[in-house]
Amino acid sequence: MTLREQLLGAWQLVAWKVRWEDSDDFTYPFGEKARGLIVYSDNGYMSAVIHAGDRASLPAGLGPKQMPAEACALAF
C-alpha cells in the first residue's frame, strides 16, 4: 500500500501545539482544546477545518445574518 493510499479518508485532529527552537515551552494556536478534521479523497482533493474547542456556539434558531455582531464574532 502506498503512502497516498494510507492517507485517504478522514482524520481527526488530536492536538495542535508549537514548540519554538529556542524554548521548551509550547504554545497552542487554537487553544488547548483545538478541534479539527482533514479529509483526503481518492481523486486528489483535500479539505481541512480547525477551530478552537471552546469557541461559543451559534444561537439556536438564528442564521449568521440574523445574529448580533458580537455573537457572530465569538462563534466565528
PDB file of N, CA and C in Angstrom:
ATOM      1  N   MET A   1       0.846  -1.184   0.000  1.00  0.00           N
ATOM      2  CA  MET A   1       0.000   0.000   0.000  1.00  0.00           C
ATOM      3  C   MET A   1       0.886   1.240   0.000  1.00  0.00           C
ATOM      4  N   THR A   2       0.594   2.181  -0.884  1.00  0.00           N
ATOM      5  CA  THR A   2       1.387   3.409  -0.984  1.00  0.00           C
ATOM      6  C   THR A   2       1.016   4.374   0.141  1.00  0.00           C
ATOM      7  N   LEU A   3       1.888   5.343   0.386  1.00  0.00           N
ATOM      8  CA  LEU A   3       1.606   6.372   1.388  1.00  0.00           C
ATOM      9  C   LEU A   3       0.323   7.111   1.033  1.00  0.00           C
ATOM     10  N   ARG A   4       0.140   7.404  -0.244  1.00  0.00           N
ATOM     11  CA  ARG A   4      -1.085   8.087  -0.703  1.00  0.00           C
ATOM     12  C   ARG A   4      -2.321   7.296  -0.299  1.00  0.00           C
ATOM     13  N   GLU A   5      -2.305   6.005  -0.525  1.00  0.00           N
ATOM     14  CA  GLU A   5      -3.447   5.160  -0.173  1.00  0.00           C
ATOM     15  C   GLU A   5      -3.661   5.114   1.343  1.00  0.00           C
ATOM     16  N   GLN A   6      -2.580   5.153   2.093  1.00  0.00           N
ATOM     17  CA  GLN A   6      -2.687   5.124   3.553  1.00  0.00           C
ATOM     18  C   GLN A   6      -3.319   6.400   4.109  1.00  0.00           C
ATOM     19  N   LEU A   7      -3.146   7.510   3.407  1.00  0.00           N
ATOM     20  CA  LEU A   7      -3.674   8.791   3.889  1.00  0.00           C
ATOM     21  C   LEU A   7      -5.124   9.043   3.502  1.00  0.00           C
ATOM     22  N   LEU A   8      -5.655   8.304   2.556  1.00  0.00           N
ATOM     23  CA  LEU A   8      -7.035   8.530   2.115  1.00  0.00           C
ATOM     24  C   LEU A   8      -8.011   8.367   3.277  1.00  0.00           C
ATOM     25  N   GLY A   9      -9.020   9.247   3.298  1.00  0.00           N
ATOM     26  CA  GLY A   9     -10.045   9.167   4.334  1.00  0.00           C
ATOM     27  C   GLY A   9     -10.072  10.419   5.185  1.00  0.00           C
ATOM     28  N   ALA A  10     -10.733  10.315   6.321  1.00  0.00           N
ATOM     29  CA  ALA A  10     -10.898  11.449   7.237  1.00  0.00           C
ATOM     30  C   ALA A  10     -10.049  11.240   8.480  1.00  0.00           C
ATOM     31  N   TRP A  11      -9.414  12.309   8.925  1.00  0.00           N
ATOM     32  CA  TRP A  11      -8.525  12.272  10.081  1.00  0.00           C
ATOM     33  C   TRP A  11      -8.945  13.369  11.057  1.00  0.00           C
ATOM     34  N   GLN A  12      -9.082  12.992  12.314  1.00  0.00           N
ATOM     35  CA  GLN A  12      -9.487  13.942  13.353  1.00  0.00           C
ATOM     36  C   GLN A  12      -8.253  14.493  14.059  1.00  0.00           C
ATOM     37  N   LEU A  13      -8.238  15.800  14.292  1.00  0.00           N
ATOM     38  CA  LEU A  13      -7.128  16.441  14.996  1.00  0.00           C
ATOM     39  C   LEU A  13      -7.085  15.958  16.441  1.00  0.00           C
ATOM     40  N   VAL A  14      -5.915  15.553  16.888  1.00  0.00           N
ATOM     41  CA  VAL A  14      -5.725  15.123  18.278  1.00  0.00           C
ATOM     42  C   VAL A  14      -5.217  16.302  19.111  1.00  0.00           C
ATOM     43  N   ALA A  15      -4.241  17.033  18.597  1.00  0.00           N
ATOM     44  CA  ALA A  15      -3.694  18.196  19.306  1.00  0.00           C
ATOM     45  C   ALA A  15      -2.920  19.045  18.316  1.00  0.00           C
ATOM     46  N   TRP A  16      -2.853  20.338  18.599  1.00  0.00           N
ATOM     47  CA  TRP A  16      -2.015  21.229  17.817  1.00  0.00           C
ATOM     48  C   TRP A  16      -1.249  22.095  18.804  1.00  0.00           C
ATOM     49  N   LYS A  17       0.046  21.835  18.875  1.00  0.00           N
ATOM     50  CA  LYS A  17       0.886  22.647  19.740  1.00  0.00           C
ATOM     51  C   LYS A  17       2.189  22.936  19.017  1.00  0.00           C
ATOM     52  N   VAL A  18       2.802  24.056  19.383  1.00  0.00           N
ATOM     53  CA  VAL A  18       4.014  24.516  18.725  1.00  0.00           C
ATOM     54  C   VAL A  18       5.083  24.717  19.796  1.00  0.00           C
ATOM     55  N   ARG A  19       6.258  24.203  19.515  1.00  0.00           N
ATOM     56  CA  ARG A  19       7.410  24.458  20.392  1.00  0.00           C
ATOM     57  C   ARG A  19       8.479  25.129  19.546  1.00  0.00           C
ATOM     58  N   TRP A  20       8.875  26.302  19.966  1.00  0.00           N
ATOM     59  CA  TRP A  20       9.894  27.054  19.231  1.00  0.00           C
ATOM     60  C   TRP A  20      11.271  26.501  19.561  1.00  0.00           C
ATOM     61  N   GLU A  21      12.184  26.635  18.616  1.00  0.00           N
ATOM     62  CA  GLU A  21      13.533  26.109  18.759  1.00  0.00           C
ATOM     63  C   GLU A  21      14.255  26.602  20.007  1.00  0.00           C
ATOM     64  N   ASP A  22      14.035  27.842  20.363  1.00  0.00           N
ATOM     65  CA  ASP A  22      14.769  28.448  21.479  1.00  0.00           C
ATOM     66  C   ASP A  22      14.024  28.369  22.808  1.00  0.00           C
ATOM     67  N   SER A  23      13.035  27.485  22.916  1.00  0.00           N
ATOM     68  CA  SER A  23      12.238  27.381  24.137  1.00  0.00           C
ATOM     69  C   SER A  23      11.769  25.943  24.348  1.00  0.00           C
ATOM     70  N   ASP A  24      11.543  25.592  25.600  1.00  0.00           N
ATOM     71  CA  ASP A  24      10.963  24.287  25.917  1.00  0.00           C
ATOM     72  C   ASP A  24       9.464  24.386  26.135  1.00  0.00           C
ATOM     73  N   ASP A  25       8.930  25.608  26.059  1.00  0.00           N
ATOM     74  CA  ASP A  25       7.502  25.824  26.274  1.00  0.00           C
ATOM     75  C   ASP A  25       6.723  25.598  24.978  1.00  0.00           C
ATOM     76  N   PHE A  26       5.467  25.190  25.134  1.00  0.00           N
ATOM     77  CA  PHE A  26       4.579  25.003  23.998  1.00  0.00           C
ATOM     78  C   PHE A  26       3.573  26.146  23.941  1.00  0.00           C
ATOM     79  N   THR A  27       3.146  26.495  22.736  1.00  0.00           N
ATOM     80  CA  THR A  27       2.020  27.399  22.552  1.00  0.00           C
ATOM     81  C   THR A  27       0.935  26.619  21.816  1.00  0.00           C
ATOM     82  N   TYR A  28      -0.292  27.034  21.975  1.00  0.00           N
ATOM     83  CA  TYR A  28      -1.444  26.364  21.378  1.00  0.00           C
ATOM     84  C   TYR A  28      -2.214  27.383  20.536  1.00  0.00           C
ATOM     85  N   PRO A  29      -1.969  27.416  19.208  1.00  0.00           N
ATOM     86  CA  PRO A  29      -2.567  28.445  18.358  1.00  0.00           C
ATOM     87  C   PRO A  29      -4.093  28.515  18.420  1.00  0.00           C
ATOM     88  N   PHE A  30      -4.773  27.393  18.632  1.00  0.00           N
ATOM     89  CA  PHE A  30      -6.233  27.370  18.720  1.00  0.00           C
ATOM     90  C   PHE A  30      -6.700  26.981  20.115  1.00  0.00           C
ATOM     91  N   GLY A  31      -5.862  27.162  21.117  1.00  0.00           N
ATOM     92  CA  GLY A  31      -6.183  26.768  22.476  1.00  0.00           C
ATOM     93  C   GLY A  31      -5.866  25.288  22.703  1.00  0.00           C
ATOM     94  N   GLU A  32      -5.878  24.877  23.953  1.00  0.00           N
ATOM     95  CA  GLU A  32      -5.506  23.505  24.297  1.00  0.00           C
ATOM     96  C   GLU A  32      -6.577  22.484  23.924  1.00  0.00           C
ATOM     97  N   LYS A  33      -7.761  22.941  23.560  1.00  0.00           N
ATOM     98  CA  LYS A  33      -8.846  22.022  23.186  1.00  0.00           C
ATOM     99  C   LYS A  33      -9.208  22.148  21.710  1.00  0.00           C
ATOM    100  N   ALA A  34      -8.226  22.448  20.865  1.00  0.00           N
ATOM    101  CA  ALA A  34      -8.482  22.630  19.432  1.00  0.00           C
ATOM    102  C   ALA A  34      -9.151  21.390  18.844  1.00  0.00           C
ATOM    103  N   ARG A  35     -10.027  21.616  17.874  1.00  0.00           N
ATOM    104  CA  ARG A  35     -10.707  20.518  17.180  1.00  0.00           C
ATOM    105  C   ARG A  35     -10.508  20.712  15.685  1.00  0.00           C
ATOM    106  N   GLY A  36     -10.494  19.606  14.961  1.00  0.00           N
ATOM    107  CA  GLY A  36     -10.317  19.728  13.525  1.00  0.00           C
ATOM    108  C   GLY A  36     -10.518  18.410  12.804  1.00  0.00           C
ATOM    109  N   LEU A  37     -10.627  18.521  11.494  1.00  0.00           N
ATOM    110  CA  LEU A  37     -10.836  17.366  10.634  1.00  0.00           C
ATOM    111  C   LEU A  37     -10.172  17.659   9.298  1.00  0.00           C
ATOM    112  N   ILE A  38      -9.478  16.670   8.761  1.00  0.00           N
ATOM    113  CA  ILE A  38      -8.898  16.780   7.425  1.00  0.00           C
ATOM    114  C   ILE A  38      -9.347  15.553   6.638  1.00  0.00           C
ATOM    115  N   VAL A  39      -9.715  15.779   5.378  1.00  0.00           N
ATOM    116  CA  VAL A  39     -10.218  14.695   4.528  1.00  0.00           C
ATOM    117  C   VAL A  39      -9.396  14.668   3.245  1.00  0.00           C
ATOM    118  N   TYR A  40      -8.885  13.495   2.905  1.00  0.00           N
ATOM    119  CA  TYR A  40      -8.184  13.269   1.639  1.00  0.00           C
ATOM    120  C   TYR A  40      -9.042  12.344   0.794  1.00  0.00           C
ATOM    121  N   SER A  41      -9.382  12.767  -0.431  1.00  0.00           N
ATOM    122  CA  SER A  41     -10.201  11.932  -1.310  1.00  0.00           C
ATOM    123  C   SER A  41      -9.323  11.222  -2.332  1.00  0.00           C
ATOM    124  N   ASP A  42      -9.843  10.158  -2.895  1.00  0.00           N
ATOM    125  CA  ASP A  42      -9.060   9.378  -3.855  1.00  0.00           C
ATOM    126  C   ASP A  42      -8.902  10.074  -5.208  1.00  0.00           C
ATOM    127  N   ASN A  43      -9.630  11.174  -5.433  1.00  0.00           N
ATOM    128  CA  ASN A  43      -9.472  11.904  -6.691  1.00  0.00           C
ATOM    129  C   ASN A  43      -8.557  13.125  -6.548  1.00  0.00           C
ATOM    130  N   GLY A  44      -7.810  13.187  -5.438  1.00  0.00           N
ATOM    131  CA  GLY A  44      -6.797  14.220  -5.275  1.00  0.00           C
ATOM    132  C   GLY A  44      -7.212  15.458  -4.508  1.00  0.00           C
ATOM    133  N   TYR A  45      -8.436  15.516  -4.007  1.00  0.00           N
ATOM    134  CA  TYR A  45      -8.884  16.685  -3.253  1.00  0.00           C
ATOM    135  C   TYR A  45      -8.615  16.511  -1.765  1.00  0.00           C
ATOM    136  N   MET A  46      -8.450  17.650  -1.097  1.00  0.00           N
ATOM    137  CA  MET A  46      -8.227  17.678   0.337  1.00  0.00           C
ATOM    138  C   MET A  46      -9.042  18.829   0.908  1.00  0.00           C
ATOM    139  N   SER A  47      -9.595  18.626   2.096  1.00  0.00           N
ATOM    140  CA  SER A  47     -10.333  19.674   2.791  1.00  0.00           C
ATOM    141  C   SER A  47      -9.979  19.596   4.269  1.00  0.00           C
ATOM    142  N   ALA A  48      -9.835  20.741   4.899  1.00  0.00           N
ATOM    143  CA  ALA A  48      -9.493  20.760   6.321  1.00  0.00           C
ATOM    144  C   ALA A  48     -10.233  21.890   7.025  1.00  0.00           C
ATOM    145  N   VAL A  49     -10.554  21.661   8.281  1.00  0.00           N
ATOM    146  CA  VAL A  49     -11.150  22.687   9.127  1.00  0.00           C
ATOM    147  C   VAL A  49     -10.576  22.520  10.532  1.00  0.00           C
ATOM    148  N   ILE A  50     -10.220  23.637  11.148  1.00  0.00           N
ATOM    149  CA  ILE A  50      -9.674  23.643  12.509  1.00  0.00           C
ATOM    150  C   ILE A  50     -10.329  24.797  13.249  1.00  0.00           C
ATOM    151  N   HIS A  51     -10.679  24.559  14.519  1.00  0.00           N
ATOM    152  CA  HIS A  51     -11.238  25.654  15.315  1.00  0.00           C
ATOM    153  C   HIS A  51     -10.916  25.440  16.784  1.00  0.00           C
ATOM    154  N   ALA A  52     -11.045  26.510  17.542  1.00  0.00           N
ATOM    155  CA  ALA A  52     -10.854  26.429  18.985  1.00  0.00           C
ATOM    156  C   ALA A  52     -11.964  25.576  19.578  1.00  0.00           C
ATOM    157  N   GLY A  53     -11.614  24.639  20.434  1.00  0.00           N
ATOM    158  CA  GLY A  53     -12.600  23.730  21.011  1.00  0.00           C
ATOM    159  C   GLY A  53     -13.558  24.401  21.973  1.00  0.00           C
ATOM    160  N   ASP A  54     -13.169  25.525  22.525  1.00  0.00           N
ATOM    161  CA  ASP A  54     -14.024  26.197  23.499  1.00  0.00           C
ATOM    162  C   ASP A  54     -14.691  27.446  22.913  1.00  0.00           C
ATOM    163  N   ARG A  55     -14.839  27.478  21.588  1.00  0.00           N
ATOM    164  CA  ARG A  55     -15.486  28.648  20.983  1.00  0.00           C
ATOM    165  C   ARG A  55     -16.981  28.641  21.300  1.00  0.00           C
ATOM    166  N   ALA A  56     -17.583  29.785  21.209  1.00  0.00           N
ATOM    167  CA  ALA A  56     -19.007  29.920  21.503  1.00  0.00           C
ATOM    168  C   ALA A  56     -19.839  29.226  20.428  1.00  0.00           C
ATOM    169  N   SER A  57     -20.971  28.684  20.816  1.00  0.00           N
ATOM    170  CA  SER A  57     -21.891  28.073  19.851  1.00  0.00           C
ATOM    171  C   SER A  57     -22.762  29.143  19.212  1.00  0.00           C
ATOM    172  N   LEU A  58     -23.278  28.818  18.044  1.00  0.00           N
ATOM    173  CA  LEU A  58     -24.220  29.736  17.401  1.00  0.00           C
ATOM    174  C   LEU A  58     -25.538  29.702  18.164  1.00  0.00           C
ATOM    175  N   PRO A  59     -26.204  30.832  18.319  1.00  0.00           N
ATOM    176  CA  PRO A  59     -27.503  30.836  18.984  1.00  0.00           C
ATOM    177  C   PRO A  59     -28.505  29.983  18.198  1.00  0.00           C
ATOM    178  N   ALA A  60     -29.280  29.183  18.904  1.00  0.00           N
ATOM    179  CA  ALA A  60     -30.260  28.293  18.258  1.00  0.00           C
ATOM    180  C   ALA A  60     -31.306  29.104  17.501  1.00  0.00           C
ATOM    181  N   GLY A  61     -31.629  28.646  16.313  1.00  0.00           N
ATOM    182  CA  GLY A  61     -32.709  29.248  15.539  1.00  0.00           C
ATOM    183  C   GLY A  61     -32.345  30.503  14.766  1.00  0.00           C
ATOM    184  N   LEU A  62     -31.097  30.935  14.846  1.00  0.00           N
ATOM    185  CA  LEU A  62     -30.685  32.144  14.135  1.00  0.00           C
ATOM    186  C   LEU A  62     -29.583  31.814  13.140  1.00  0.00           C
ATOM    187  N   GLY A  63     -29.715  32.341  11.942  1.00  0.00           N
ATOM    188  CA  GLY A  63     -28.640  32.245  10.975  1.00  0.00           C
ATOM    189  C   GLY A  63     -27.650  33.364  11.218  1.00  0.00           C
ATOM    190  N   PRO A  64     -26.458  33.265  10.639  1.00  0.00           N
ATOM    191  CA  PRO A  64     -25.443  34.304  10.852  1.00  0.00           C
ATOM    192  C   PRO A  64     -25.903  35.706  10.495  1.00  0.00           C
ATOM    193  N   LYS A  65     -26.795  35.844   9.513  1.00  0.00           N
ATOM    194  CA  LYS A  65     -27.256  37.188   9.115  1.00  0.00           C
ATOM    195  C   LYS A  65     -28.212  37.794  10.137  1.00  0.00           C
ATOM    196  N   GLN A  66     -28.858  36.972  10.971  1.00  0.00           N
ATOM    197  CA  GLN A  66     -29.781  37.491  11.983  1.00  0.00           C
ATOM    198  C   GLN A  66     -29.115  37.674  13.334  1.00  0.00           C
ATOM    199  N   MET A  67     -27.920  37.165  13.508  1.00  0.00           N
ATOM    200  CA  MET A  67     -27.249  37.223  14.812  1.00  0.00           C
ATOM    201  C   MET A  67     -26.669  38.589  15.079  1.00  0.00           C
ATOM    202  N   PRO A  68     -26.605  38.986  16.349  1.00  0.00           N
ATOM    203  CA  PRO A  68     -25.885  40.215  16.701  1.00  0.00           C
ATOM    204  C   PRO A  68     -24.407  40.070  16.337  1.00  0.00           C
ATOM    205  N   ALA A  69     -23.768  41.148  15.970  1.00  0.00           N
ATOM    206  CA  ALA A  69     -22.375  41.121  15.544  1.00  0.00           C
ATOM    207  C   ALA A  69     -21.452  40.508  16.603  1.00  0.00           C
ATOM    208  N   GLU A  70     -21.738  40.777  17.877  1.00  0.00           N
ATOM    209  CA  GLU A  70     -20.901  40.248  18.962  1.00  0.00           C
ATOM    210  C   GLU A  70     -20.973  38.722  19.010  1.00  0.00           C
ATOM    211  N   ALA A  71     -22.184  38.156  18.822  1.00  0.00           N
ATOM    212  CA  ALA A  71     -22.348  36.709  18.842  1.00  0.00           C
ATOM    213  C   ALA A  71     -21.650  36.070  17.646  1.00  0.00           C
ATOM    214  N   CYS A  72     -21.707  36.709  16.498  1.00  0.00           N
ATOM    215  CA  CYS A  72     -21.009  36.211  15.306  1.00  0.00           C
ATOM    216  C   CYS A  72     -19.500  36.191  15.549  1.00  0.00           C
ATOM    217  N   ALA A  73     -18.980  37.253  16.113  1.00  0.00           N
ATOM    218  CA  ALA A  73     -17.538  37.333  16.349  1.00  0.00           C
ATOM    219  C   ALA A  73     -17.072  36.228  17.287  1.00  0.00           C
ATOM    220  N   LEU A  74     -17.836  35.943  18.322  1.00  0.00           N
ATOM    221  CA  LEU A  74     -17.446  34.880  19.269  1.00  0.00           C
ATOM    222  C   LEU A  74     -17.541  33.490  18.644  1.00  0.00           C
ATOM    223  N   ALA A  75     -18.525  33.286  17.796  1.00  0.00           N
ATOM    224  CA  ALA A  75     -18.742  31.964  17.198  1.00  0.00           C
ATOM    225  C   ALA A  75     -17.779  31.691  16.042  1.00  0.00           C
ATOM    226  N   PHE A  76     -17.435  32.743  15.321  1.00  0.00           N
ATOM    227  CA  PHE A  76     -16.566  32.549  14.154  1.00  0.00           C
ATOM    228  C   PHE A  76     -15.163  32.975  14.432  1.00  0.00           C
TER     229      PHE A  76
END
